[in-house]
PDB file of N, CA and C in Angstrom:
ATOM      1  N   MET A   1      71.770  16.385  35.163  1.00  0.00           N
ATOM      2  CA  MET A   1      71.648  16.721  36.513  1.00  0.00           C
ATOM      3  C   MET A   1      72.030  18.193  36.721  1.00  0.00           C
ATOM      4  N   SER A   2      73.142  18.643  36.167  1.00  0.00           N
ATOM      5  CA  SER A   2      73.668  19.991  36.375  1.00  0.00           C
ATOM      6  C   SER A   2      72.854  20.997  35.588  1.00  0.00           C
ATOM      7  N   LYS A   3      72.172  20.583  34.513  1.00  0.00           N
ATOM      8  CA  LYS A   3      71.323  21.486  33.730  1.00  0.00           C
ATOM      9  C   LYS A   3      70.185  22.012  34.631  1.00  0.00           C
ATOM     10  N   GLY A   4      69.591  21.181  35.379  1.00  0.00           N
ATOM     11  CA  GLY A   4      68.461  21.603  36.249  1.00  0.00           C
ATOM     12  C   GLY A   4      68.970  22.443  37.373  1.00  0.00           C
ATOM     13  N   LEU A   5      70.196  22.222  37.819  1.00  0.00           N
ATOM     14  CA  LEU A   5      70.755  22.973  38.966  1.00  0.00           C
ATOM     15  C   LEU A   5      71.038  24.385  38.636  1.00  0.00           C
ATOM     16  N   PHE A   6      71.483  24.720  37.423  1.00  0.00           N
ATOM     17  CA  PHE A   6      71.832  26.086  37.071  1.00  0.00           C
ATOM     18  C   PHE A   6      70.855  26.667  36.060  1.00  0.00           C
ATOM     19  N   LYS A   7      69.710  26.200  35.991  1.00  0.00           N
ATOM     20  CA  LYS A   7      68.810  26.743  34.910  1.00  0.00           C
ATOM     21  C   LYS A   7      68.338  28.158  35.222  1.00  0.00           C
ATOM     22  N   ASP A   8      68.237  28.506  36.491  1.00  0.00           N
ATOM     23  CA  ASP A   8      67.793  29.865  36.826  1.00  0.00           C
ATOM     24  C   ASP A   8      68.972  30.827  37.133  1.00  0.00           C
ATOM     25  N   TYR A   9      70.192  30.347  36.857  1.00  0.00           N
ATOM     26  CA  TYR A   9      71.370  31.176  37.158  1.00  0.00           C
ATOM     27  C   TYR A   9      71.495  32.313  36.151  1.00  0.00           C
ATOM     28  N   VAL A  10      71.664  33.546  36.726  1.00  0.00           N
ATOM     29  CA  VAL A  10      71.897  34.706  35.901  1.00  0.00           C
ATOM     30  C   VAL A  10      73.236  35.330  36.273  1.00  0.00           C
ATOM     31  N   PRO A  11      74.202  35.347  35.381  1.00  0.00           N
ATOM     32  CA  PRO A  11      75.527  35.902  35.730  1.00  0.00           C
ATOM     33  C   PRO A  11      75.425  37.372  36.192  1.00  0.00           C
ATOM     34  N   GLU A  12      76.199  37.698  37.144  1.00  0.00           N
ATOM     35  CA  GLU A  12      76.209  39.022  37.753  1.00  0.00           C
ATOM     36  C   GLU A  12      77.547  39.721  37.401  1.00  0.00           C
ATOM     37  N   ILE A  13      77.454  40.982  36.954  1.00  0.00           N
ATOM     38  CA  ILE A  13      78.626  41.709  36.652  1.00  0.00           C
ATOM     39  C   ILE A  13      79.208  42.256  37.963  1.00  0.00           C
ATOM     40  N   VAL A  14      80.476  41.913  38.244  1.00  0.00           N
ATOM     41  CA  VAL A  14      81.116  42.346  39.483  1.00  0.00           C
ATOM     42  C   VAL A  14      82.196  43.418  39.107  1.00  0.00           C
ATOM     43  N   GLU A  15      82.100  44.552  39.807  1.00  0.00           N
ATOM     44  CA  GLU A  15      83.109  45.563  39.545  1.00  0.00           C
ATOM     45  C   GLU A  15      84.136  45.618  40.643  1.00  0.00           C
ATOM     46  N   PHE A  16      85.306  46.058  40.278  1.00  0.00           N
ATOM     47  CA  PHE A  16      86.458  46.172  41.221  1.00  0.00           C
ATOM     48  C   PHE A  16      86.264  47.360  42.044  1.00  0.00           C
ATOM     49  N   ASP A  17      86.411  47.184  43.353  1.00  0.00           N
ATOM     50  CA  ASP A  17      86.321  48.270  44.327  1.00  0.00           C
ATOM     51  C   ASP A  17      87.560  48.245  45.192  1.00  0.00           C
ATOM     52  N   GLU A  18      88.415  49.304  45.100  1.00  0.00           N
ATOM     53  CA  GLU A  18      89.668  49.332  45.822  1.00  0.00           C
ATOM     54  C   GLU A  18      89.458  49.184  47.383  1.00  0.00           C
ATOM     55  N   LYS A  19      88.413  49.788  47.928  1.00  0.00           N
ATOM     56  CA  LYS A  19      88.210  49.716  49.326  1.00  0.00           C
ATOM     57  C   LYS A  19      87.888  48.272  49.800  1.00  0.00           C
ATOM     58  N   ILE A  20      87.133  47.551  48.997  1.00  0.00           N
ATOM     59  CA  ILE A  20      86.756  46.178  49.314  1.00  0.00           C
ATOM     60  C   ILE A  20      87.909  45.178  48.941  1.00  0.00           C
ATOM     61  N   ASP A  21      88.346  45.256  47.718  1.00  0.00           N
ATOM     62  CA  ASP A  21      89.249  44.308  47.194  1.00  0.00           C
ATOM     63  C   ASP A  21      90.731  44.547  47.606  1.00  0.00           C
ATOM     64  N   GLY A  22      91.072  45.743  48.084  1.00  0.00           N
ATOM     65  CA  GLY A  22      92.418  46.046  48.519  1.00  0.00           C
ATOM     66  C   GLY A  22      93.356  46.292  47.381  1.00  0.00           C
ATOM     67  N   SER A  23      93.790  47.523  47.249  1.00  0.00           N
ATOM     68  CA  SER A  23      94.692  47.843  46.188  1.00  0.00           C
ATOM     69  C   SER A  23      96.138  47.944  46.684  1.00  0.00           C
ATOM     70  N   TYR A  24      96.390  47.681  47.965  1.00  0.00           N
ATOM     71  CA  TYR A  24      97.678  47.825  48.603  1.00  0.00           C
ATOM     72  C   TYR A  24      98.509  46.619  48.563  1.00  0.00           C
ATOM     73  N   GLU A  25      98.019  45.476  48.072  1.00  0.00           N
ATOM     74  CA  GLU A  25      98.755  44.200  48.156  1.00  0.00           C
ATOM     75  C   GLU A  25     100.042  44.241  47.349  1.00  0.00           C
ATOM     76  N   HIS A  26     100.001  44.866  46.187  1.00  0.00           N
ATOM     77  CA  HIS A  26     101.251  44.970  45.354  1.00  0.00           C
ATOM     78  C   HIS A  26     102.267  45.800  46.067  1.00  0.00           C
ATOM     79  N   ASP A  27     101.804  46.806  46.777  1.00  0.00           N
ATOM     80  CA  ASP A  27     102.767  47.639  47.568  1.00  0.00           C
ATOM     81  C   ASP A  27     103.373  46.854  48.694  1.00  0.00           C
ATOM     82  N   THR A  28     102.619  45.995  49.392  1.00  0.00           N
ATOM     83  CA  THR A  28     103.118  45.156  50.454  1.00  0.00           C
ATOM     84  C   THR A  28     104.218  44.261  49.877  1.00  0.00           C
ATOM     85  N   ARG A  29     103.911  43.663  48.777  1.00  0.00           N
ATOM     86  CA  ARG A  29     104.947  42.691  48.144  1.00  0.00           C
ATOM     87  C   ARG A  29     106.194  43.469  47.815  1.00  0.00           C
ATOM     88  N   GLU A  30     106.056  44.619  47.203  1.00  0.00           N
ATOM     89  CA  GLU A  30     107.209  45.458  46.809  1.00  0.00           C
ATOM     90  C   GLU A  30     108.032  45.841  48.007  1.00  0.00           C
ATOM     91  N   ASN A  31     107.324  46.190  49.126  1.00  0.00           N
ATOM     92  CA  ASN A  31     108.065  46.574  50.325  1.00  0.00           C
ATOM     93  C   ASN A  31     108.826  45.395  50.890  1.00  0.00           C
ATOM     94  N   ARG A  32     108.232  44.261  50.880  1.00  0.00           N
ATOM     95  CA  ARG A  32     108.913  43.092  51.351  1.00  0.00           C
ATOM     96  C   ARG A  32     110.170  42.737  50.524  1.00  0.00           C
ATOM     97  N   LEU A  33     110.020  42.832  49.236  1.00  0.00           N
ATOM     98  CA  LEU A  33     111.165  42.567  48.322  1.00  0.00           C
ATOM     99  C   LEU A  33     112.253  43.584  48.548  1.00  0.00           C
ATOM    100  N   ASN A  34     111.893  44.832  48.743  1.00  0.00           N
ATOM    101  CA  ASN A  34     112.918  45.849  49.036  1.00  0.00           C
ATOM    102  C   ASN A  34     113.592  45.616  50.335  1.00  0.00           C
ATOM    103  N   THR A  35     112.876  45.206  51.364  1.00  0.00           N
ATOM    104  CA  THR A  35     113.387  44.930  52.675  1.00  0.00           C
ATOM    105  C   THR A  35     114.361  43.703  52.572  1.00  0.00           C
ATOM    106  N   LYS A  36     113.913  42.710  51.828  1.00  0.00           N
ATOM    107  CA  LYS A  36     114.793  41.505  51.674  1.00  0.00           C
ATOM    108  C   LYS A  36     116.119  41.928  50.981  1.00  0.00           C
ATOM    109  N   ALA A  37     116.076  42.725  49.946  1.00  0.00           N
ATOM    110  CA  ALA A  37     117.241  43.121  49.209  1.00  0.00           C
ATOM    111  C   ALA A  37     118.157  43.930  50.172  1.00  0.00           C
ATOM    112  N   ASP A  38     117.526  44.776  50.997  1.00  0.00           N
ATOM    113  CA  ASP A  38     118.379  45.621  51.913  1.00  0.00           C
ATOM    114  C   ASP A  38     119.053  44.720  52.965  1.00  0.00           C
ATOM    115  N   LEU A  39     118.297  43.703  53.438  1.00  0.00           N
ATOM    116  CA  LEU A  39     118.905  42.822  54.478  1.00  0.00           C
ATOM    117  C   LEU A  39     119.972  41.929  53.851  1.00  0.00           C
ATOM    118  N   ILE A  40     119.787  41.494  52.630  1.00  0.00           N
ATOM    119  CA  ILE A  40     120.878  40.720  51.975  1.00  0.00           C
ATOM    120  C   ILE A  40     122.173  41.526  51.816  1.00  0.00           C
ATOM    121  N   GLU A  41     122.027  42.776  51.402  1.00  0.00           N
ATOM    122  CA  GLU A  41     123.140  43.662  51.259  1.00  0.00           C
ATOM    123  C   GLU A  41     123.829  43.895  52.585  1.00  0.00           C
ATOM    124  N   LYS A  42     122.989  44.099  53.659  1.00  0.00           N
ATOM    125  CA  LYS A  42     123.563  44.345  54.949  1.00  0.00           C
ATOM    126  C   LYS A  42     124.350  43.148  55.456  1.00  0.00           C
ATOM    127  N   ILE A  43     123.783  41.969  55.305  1.00  0.00           N
ATOM    128  CA  ILE A  43     124.486  40.738  55.654  1.00  0.00           C
ATOM    129  C   ILE A  43     125.809  40.539  54.851  1.00  0.00           C
ATOM    130  N   ARG A  44     125.703  40.808  53.569  1.00  0.00           N
ATOM    131  CA  ARG A  44     126.941  40.699  52.711  1.00  0.00           C
ATOM    132  C   ARG A  44     128.053  41.622  53.198  1.00  0.00           C
ATOM    133  N   LYS A  45     127.633  42.874  53.530  1.00  0.00           N
ATOM    134  CA  LYS A  45     128.633  43.822  54.042  1.00  0.00           C
ATOM    135  C   LYS A  45     129.206  43.406  55.391  1.00  0.00           C
ATOM    136  N   ALA A  46     128.323  42.901  56.262  1.00  0.00           N
ATOM    137  CA  ALA A  46     128.743  42.415  57.568  1.00  0.00           C
ATOM    138  C   ALA A  46     129.732  41.256  57.459  1.00  0.00           C
ATOM    139  N   LYS A  47     129.503  40.346  56.569  1.00  0.00           N
ATOM    140  CA  LYS A  47     130.354  39.198  56.365  1.00  0.00           C
ATOM    141  C   LYS A  47     131.677  39.640  55.835  1.00  0.00           C
ATOM    142  N   ALA A  48     131.673  40.584  54.916  1.00  0.00           N
ATOM    143  CA  ALA A  48     132.922  41.140  54.355  1.00  0.00           C
ATOM    144  C   ALA A  48     133.702  41.822  55.439  1.00  0.00           C
ATOM    145  N   ALA A  49     133.020  42.589  56.266  1.00  0.00           N
ATOM    146  CA  ALA A  49     133.771  43.342  57.355  1.00  0.00           C
ATOM    147  C   ALA A  49     134.321  42.373  58.406  1.00  0.00           C
ATOM    148  N   ALA A  50     133.563  41.273  58.632  1.00  0.00           N
ATOM    149  CA  ALA A  50     134.074  40.291  59.634  1.00  0.00           C
ATOM    150  C   ALA A  50     135.260  39.541  59.120  1.00  0.00           C
ATOM    151  N   LYS A  51     135.266  39.318  57.823  1.00  0.00           N
ATOM    152  CA  LYS A  51     136.389  38.586  57.212  1.00  0.00           C
ATOM    153  C   LYS A  51     137.592  39.527  57.105  1.00  0.00           C
ATOM    154  N   GLY A  52     137.329  40.817  56.845  1.00  0.00           N
ATOM    155  CA  GLY A  52     138.423  41.761  56.728  1.00  0.00           C
ATOM    156  C   GLY A  52     139.294  41.463  55.522  1.00  0.00           C
ATOM    157  N   ASN A  53     140.586  41.796  55.651  1.00  0.00           N
ATOM    158  CA  ASN A  53     141.511  41.543  54.579  1.00  0.00           C
ATOM    159  C   ASN A  53     142.307  40.275  54.813  1.00  0.00           C
ATOM    160  N   LYS A  54     141.757  39.356  55.566  1.00  0.00           N
ATOM    161  CA  LYS A  54     142.542  38.171  55.875  1.00  0.00           C
ATOM    162  C   LYS A  54     142.707  37.319  54.605  1.00  0.00           C
ATOM    163  N   THR A  55     143.880  36.768  54.434  1.00  0.00           N
ATOM    164  CA  THR A  55     144.201  35.916  53.349  1.00  0.00           C
ATOM    165  C   THR A  55     144.257  34.552  53.884  1.00  0.00           C
ATOM    166  N   THR A  56     143.583  33.644  53.222  1.00  0.00           N
ATOM    167  CA  THR A  56     143.620  32.265  53.626  1.00  0.00           C
ATOM    168  C   THR A  56     144.700  31.502  52.804  1.00  0.00           C
ATOM    169  N   PHE A  57     145.689  30.892  53.546  1.00  0.00           N
ATOM    170  CA  PHE A  57     146.700  30.105  52.879  1.00  0.00           C
ATOM    171  C   PHE A  57     146.324  28.663  52.989  1.00  0.00           C
ATOM    172  N   ARG A  58     146.409  28.003  51.885  1.00  0.00           N
ATOM    173  CA  ARG A  58     146.146  26.576  51.888  1.00  0.00           C
ATOM    174  C   ARG A  58     147.441  25.865  51.496  1.00  0.00           C
ATOM    175  N   GLN A  59     147.643  24.710  52.140  1.00  0.00           N
ATOM    176  CA  GLN A  59     148.759  23.922  51.790  1.00  0.00           C
ATOM    177  C   GLN A  59     148.503  23.209  50.496  1.00  0.00           C
ATOM    178  N   THR A  60     149.549  22.838  49.738  1.00  0.00           N
ATOM    179  CA  THR A  60     149.387  22.145  48.531  1.00  0.00           C
ATOM    180  C   THR A  60     148.871  20.757  48.830  1.00  0.00           C
ATOM    181  N   ILE A  61     148.150  20.297  47.895  1.00  0.00           N
ATOM    182  CA  ILE A  61     147.573  18.966  48.055  1.00  0.00           C
ATOM    183  C   ILE A  61     148.575  17.954  47.548  1.00  0.00           C
ATOM    184  N   ARG A  62     148.857  16.984  48.449  1.00  0.00           N
ATOM    185  CA  ARG A  62     149.872  15.944  48.107  1.00  0.00           C
ATOM    186  C   ARG A  62     149.224  14.917  47.213  1.00  0.00           C
ATOM    187  N   THR A  63     149.973  14.442  46.237  1.00  0.00           N
ATOM    188  CA  THR A  63     149.516  13.405  45.356  1.00  0.00           C
ATOM    189  C   THR A  63     150.498  12.245  45.456  1.00  0.00           C
ATOM    190  N   GLU A  64     150.123  11.181  44.814  1.00  0.00           N
ATOM    191  CA  GLU A  64     151.022  10.006  44.824  1.00  0.00           C
ATOM    192  C   GLU A  64     152.351  10.261  44.176  1.00  0.00           C
ATOM    193  N   ASN A  65     152.385  11.193  43.205  1.00  0.00           N
ATOM    194  CA  ASN A  65     153.615  11.464  42.448  1.00  0.00           C
ATOM    195  C   ASN A  65     154.608  12.396  43.209  1.00  0.00           C
ATOM    196  N   ASP A  66     154.097  13.092  44.202  1.00  0.00           N
ATOM    197  CA  ASP A  66     154.974  13.969  44.977  1.00  0.00           C
ATOM    198  C   ASP A  66     155.969  13.178  45.781  1.00  0.00           C
ATOM    199  N   LYS A  67     157.203  13.665  45.778  1.00  0.00           N
ATOM    200  CA  LYS A  67     158.300  12.978  46.585  1.00  0.00           C
ATOM    201  C   LYS A  67     158.626  13.785  47.835  1.00  0.00           C
ATOM    202  N   SER A  68     157.844  14.756  48.164  1.00  0.00           N
ATOM    203  CA  SER A  68     158.207  15.570  49.314  1.00  0.00           C
ATOM    204  C   SER A  68     157.580  14.993  50.566  1.00  0.00           C
TER     205      SER A  68
END
């Protein structure tokens, strides 16, 4: 059945055209990755600044063997 369907098919050579196919897609992806990295760094710095030099003190965990 498929032999009859494609019997007159002639493959066509297709050439890459930057105007039609768009050569800017890799640039868009790279820009997004750079923006993401910048935002992650900005958030990390903001979290560190919000935390400041605070020291968190934790109480010791009591166990069954502690007599205190």
